[in-house]
Amino acid sequence: MVERSPVFADDPGPVIPVPVELSSHPGRHCLGADTEVFFPVSELGVLQARLVCTGCPVRVACREWATATGQHGVWGGTTREERAAQRDAEVSAVDPVRPVIAA
């Protein structure tokens, strides 16, 4: 299994082994890429990471795994913040907040 961890030692984030079906897929676009690309410190860096993910055959599975495990960095072409916002939107759509009506 492959493990990716953030660039910054003071913010290690969760280090959870990447599932074999993602890490060993022969067509994955991140194969051979420097892992620092996926932990960008600027918007330009985010764009560079997204370019690597564009058209990747495991992009959706990668994004779903990162969302489920709370990973830092760019996974499946999305940032942690984007994955959190999408997850929150999906939860809101499934369980809408009911308005409080005073009696």
C-alpha atoms as a PDB file:
ATOM      1  CA  MET A   1       0.000   0.000   0.000  1.00  0.00           C
ATOM      2  CA  VAL A   2       1.036   3.556  -0.660  1.00  0.00           C
ATOM      3  CA  GLU A   3       0.801   6.293   1.939  1.00  0.00           C
ATOM      4  CA  ARG A   4       0.759  10.002   1.164  1.00  0.00           C
ATOM      5  CA  SER A   5       1.327  12.497   3.899  1.00  0.00           C
ATOM      6  CA  PRO A   6       1.322  16.287   3.810  1.00  0.00           C
ATOM      7  CA  VAL A   7       4.479  18.258   3.178  1.00  0.00           C
ATOM      8  CA  PHE A   8       4.349  20.048   6.529  1.00  0.00           C
ATOM      9  CA  ALA A   9       5.613  18.099   9.540  1.00  0.00           C
ATOM     10  CA  ASP A  10       3.547  20.226  11.936  1.00  0.00           C
ATOM     11  CA  ASP A  11       0.290  19.274  10.174  1.00  0.00           C
ATOM     12  CA  PRO A  12       0.533  15.549   9.524  1.00  0.00           C
ATOM     13  CA  GLY A  13      -3.187  14.949   9.060  1.00  0.00           C
ATOM     14  CA  PRO A  14      -4.505  11.433   8.982  1.00  0.00           C
ATOM     15  CA  VAL A  15      -2.075   8.979   7.434  1.00  0.00           C
ATOM     16  CA  ILE A  16      -4.307   6.163   6.265  1.00  0.00           C
ATOM     17  CA  PRO A  17      -3.082   3.576   3.777  1.00  0.00           C
ATOM     18  CA  VAL A  18      -4.437   4.161   0.292  1.00  0.00           C
ATOM     19  CA  PRO A  19      -6.534   1.173  -0.840  1.00  0.00           C
ATOM     20  CA  VAL A  20      -4.705  -1.228  -3.123  1.00  0.00           C
ATOM     21  CA  GLU A  21      -7.275  -0.782  -5.904  1.00  0.00           C
ATOM     22  CA  LEU A  22      -6.225   2.885  -6.085  1.00  0.00           C
ATOM     23  CA  SER A  23      -2.514   2.660  -5.354  1.00  0.00           C
ATOM     24  CA  SER A  24      -1.804  -0.228  -7.700  1.00  0.00           C
ATOM     25  CA  HIS A  25      -3.994   0.786 -10.651  1.00  0.00           C
ATOM     26  CA  PRO A  26      -1.628   0.813 -13.640  1.00  0.00           C
ATOM     27  CA  GLY A  27      -3.432   3.699 -15.349  1.00  0.00           C
ATOM     28  CA  ARG A  28      -3.501   6.135 -12.435  1.00  0.00           C
ATOM     29  CA  HIS A  29      -2.137   9.502 -13.462  1.00  0.00           C
ATOM     30  CA  CYS A  30      -0.287  10.189 -10.208  1.00  0.00           C
ATOM     31  CA  LEU A  31       2.021   7.225 -10.795  1.00  0.00           C
ATOM     32  CA  GLY A  32       5.542   8.628 -10.579  1.00  0.00           C
ATOM     33  CA  ALA A  33       4.413  12.152  -9.668  1.00  0.00           C
ATOM     34  CA  ASP A  34       6.070  13.929  -6.771  1.00  0.00           C
ATOM     35  CA  THR A  35       3.605  13.709  -3.854  1.00  0.00           C
ATOM     36  CA  GLU A  36       4.332  17.349  -2.933  1.00  0.00           C
ATOM     37  CA  VAL A  37       2.302  18.328  -6.008  1.00  0.00           C
ATOM     38  CA  PHE A  38      -0.827  17.110  -4.204  1.00  0.00           C
ATOM     39  CA  PHE A  39      -0.249  19.273  -1.128  1.00  0.00           C
ATOM     40  CA  PRO A  40      -0.101  22.707  -2.763  1.00  0.00           C
ATOM     41  CA  VAL A  41       0.417  25.997  -0.953  1.00  0.00           C
ATOM     42  CA  SER A  42      -1.087  28.213  -3.671  1.00  0.00           C
ATOM     43  CA  GLU A  43      -3.928  28.293  -6.182  1.00  0.00           C
ATOM     44  CA  LEU A  44      -1.400  27.664  -8.934  1.00  0.00           C
ATOM     45  CA  GLY A  45      -0.328  24.525  -7.088  1.00  0.00           C
ATOM     46  CA  VAL A  46      -3.954  23.384  -6.861  1.00  0.00           C
ATOM     47  CA  LEU A  47      -4.289  23.831 -10.624  1.00  0.00           C
ATOM     48  CA  GLN A  48      -1.121  21.807 -11.214  1.00  0.00           C
ATOM     49  CA  ALA A  49      -2.447  18.967  -9.064  1.00  0.00           C
ATOM     50  CA  ARG A  50      -5.801  19.060 -10.878  1.00  0.00           C
ATOM     51  CA  LEU A  51      -3.990  18.725 -14.204  1.00  0.00           C
ATOM     52  CA  VAL A  52      -2.445  15.476 -13.007  1.00  0.00           C
ATOM     53  CA  CYS A  53      -5.899  14.186 -11.987  1.00  0.00           C
ATOM     54  CA  THR A  54      -7.643  15.204 -15.226  1.00  0.00           C
ATOM     55  CA  GLY A  55      -8.967  12.134 -17.008  1.00  0.00           C
ATOM     56  CA  CYS A  56      -7.546   9.679 -14.455  1.00  0.00           C
ATOM     57  CA  PRO A  57      -9.436   6.358 -14.480  1.00  0.00           C
ATOM     58  CA  VAL A  58      -9.570   6.206 -10.657  1.00  0.00           C
ATOM     59  CA  ARG A  59     -10.376   9.888 -10.092  1.00  0.00           C
ATOM     60  CA  VAL A  60     -13.891   9.319  -8.717  1.00  0.00           C
ATOM     61  CA  ALA A  61     -12.847   6.460  -6.436  1.00  0.00           C
ATOM     62  CA  CYS A  62      -9.858   8.505  -5.253  1.00  0.00           C
ATOM     63  CA  ARG A  63     -12.072  11.497  -4.426  1.00  0.00           C
ATOM     64  CA  GLU A  64     -14.638   9.320  -2.642  1.00  0.00           C
ATOM     65  CA  TRP A  65     -11.963   7.626  -0.535  1.00  0.00           C
ATOM     66  CA  ALA A  66     -10.395  10.970   0.396  1.00  0.00           C
ATOM     67  CA  THR A  67     -13.807  12.354   1.364  1.00  0.00           C
ATOM     68  CA  ALA A  68     -14.631   9.320   3.499  1.00  0.00           C
ATOM     69  CA  THR A  69     -11.289   9.401   5.303  1.00  0.00           C
ATOM     70  CA  GLY A  70     -10.866  13.179   5.663  1.00  0.00           C
ATOM     71  CA  GLN A  71      -7.604  13.432   3.727  1.00  0.00           C
ATOM     72  CA  HIS A  72      -5.649  16.666   3.334  1.00  0.00           C
ATOM     73  CA  GLY A  73      -4.454  17.807  -0.082  1.00  0.00           C
ATOM     74  CA  VAL A  74      -5.780  17.278  -3.587  1.00  0.00           C
ATOM     75  CA  TRP A  75      -7.331  13.873  -4.244  1.00  0.00           C
ATOM     76  CA  GLY A  76      -9.400  13.073  -7.300  1.00  0.00           C
ATOM     77  CA  GLY A  77      -8.942  16.639  -8.507  1.00  0.00           C
ATOM     78  CA  THR A  78     -10.563  18.212  -5.442  1.00  0.00           C
ATOM     79  CA  THR A  79      -9.254  20.008  -2.374  1.00  0.00           C
ATOM     80  CA  ARG A  80     -10.193  19.056   1.168  1.00  0.00           C
ATOM     81  CA  GLU A  81     -12.400  22.145   1.388  1.00  0.00           C
ATOM     82  CA  GLU A  82     -14.235  21.261  -1.819  1.00  0.00           C
ATOM     83  CA  ARG A  83     -14.815  17.702  -0.637  1.00  0.00           C
ATOM     84  CA  ALA A  84     -16.120  18.942   2.718  1.00  0.00           C
ATOM     85  CA  ALA A  85     -18.475  21.411   1.016  1.00  0.00           C
ATOM     86  CA  GLN A  86     -19.784  18.708  -1.312  1.00  0.00           C
ATOM     87  CA  ARG A  87     -20.264  16.294   1.592  1.00  0.00           C
ATOM     88  CA  ASP A  88     -22.129  18.973   3.560  1.00  0.00           C
ATOM     89  CA  ALA A  89     -24.343  19.746   0.552  1.00  0.00           C
ATOM     90  CA  GLU A  90     -25.163  16.050   0.118  1.00  0.00           C
ATOM     91  CA  VAL A  91     -26.030  15.722   3.816  1.00  0.00           C
ATOM     92  CA  SER A  92     -28.256  18.807   3.630  1.00  0.00           C
ATOM     93  CA  ALA A  93     -30.054  17.426   0.585  1.00  0.00           C
ATOM     94  CA  VAL A  94     -30.736  14.116   2.337  1.00  0.00           C
ATOM     95  CA  ASP A  95     -31.617  15.581   5.725  1.00  0.00           C
ATOM     96  CA  PRO A  96     -32.981  19.099   5.195  1.00  0.00           C
ATOM     97  CA  VAL A  97     -33.136  21.331   8.214  1.00  0.00           C
ATOM     98  CA  ARG A  98     -36.709  21.778   9.345  1.00  0.00           C
ATOM     99  CA  PRO A  99     -37.739  25.294  10.228  1.00  0.00           C
ATOM    100  CA  VAL A 100     -38.530  25.925  13.853  1.00  0.00           C
ATOM    101  CA  ILE A 101     -42.050  27.219  14.300  1.00  0.00           C
ATOM    102  CA  ALA A 102     -42.876  28.932  17.537  1.00  0.00           C
ATOM    103  CA  ALA A 103     -46.254  28.075  18.984  1.00  0.00           C
END
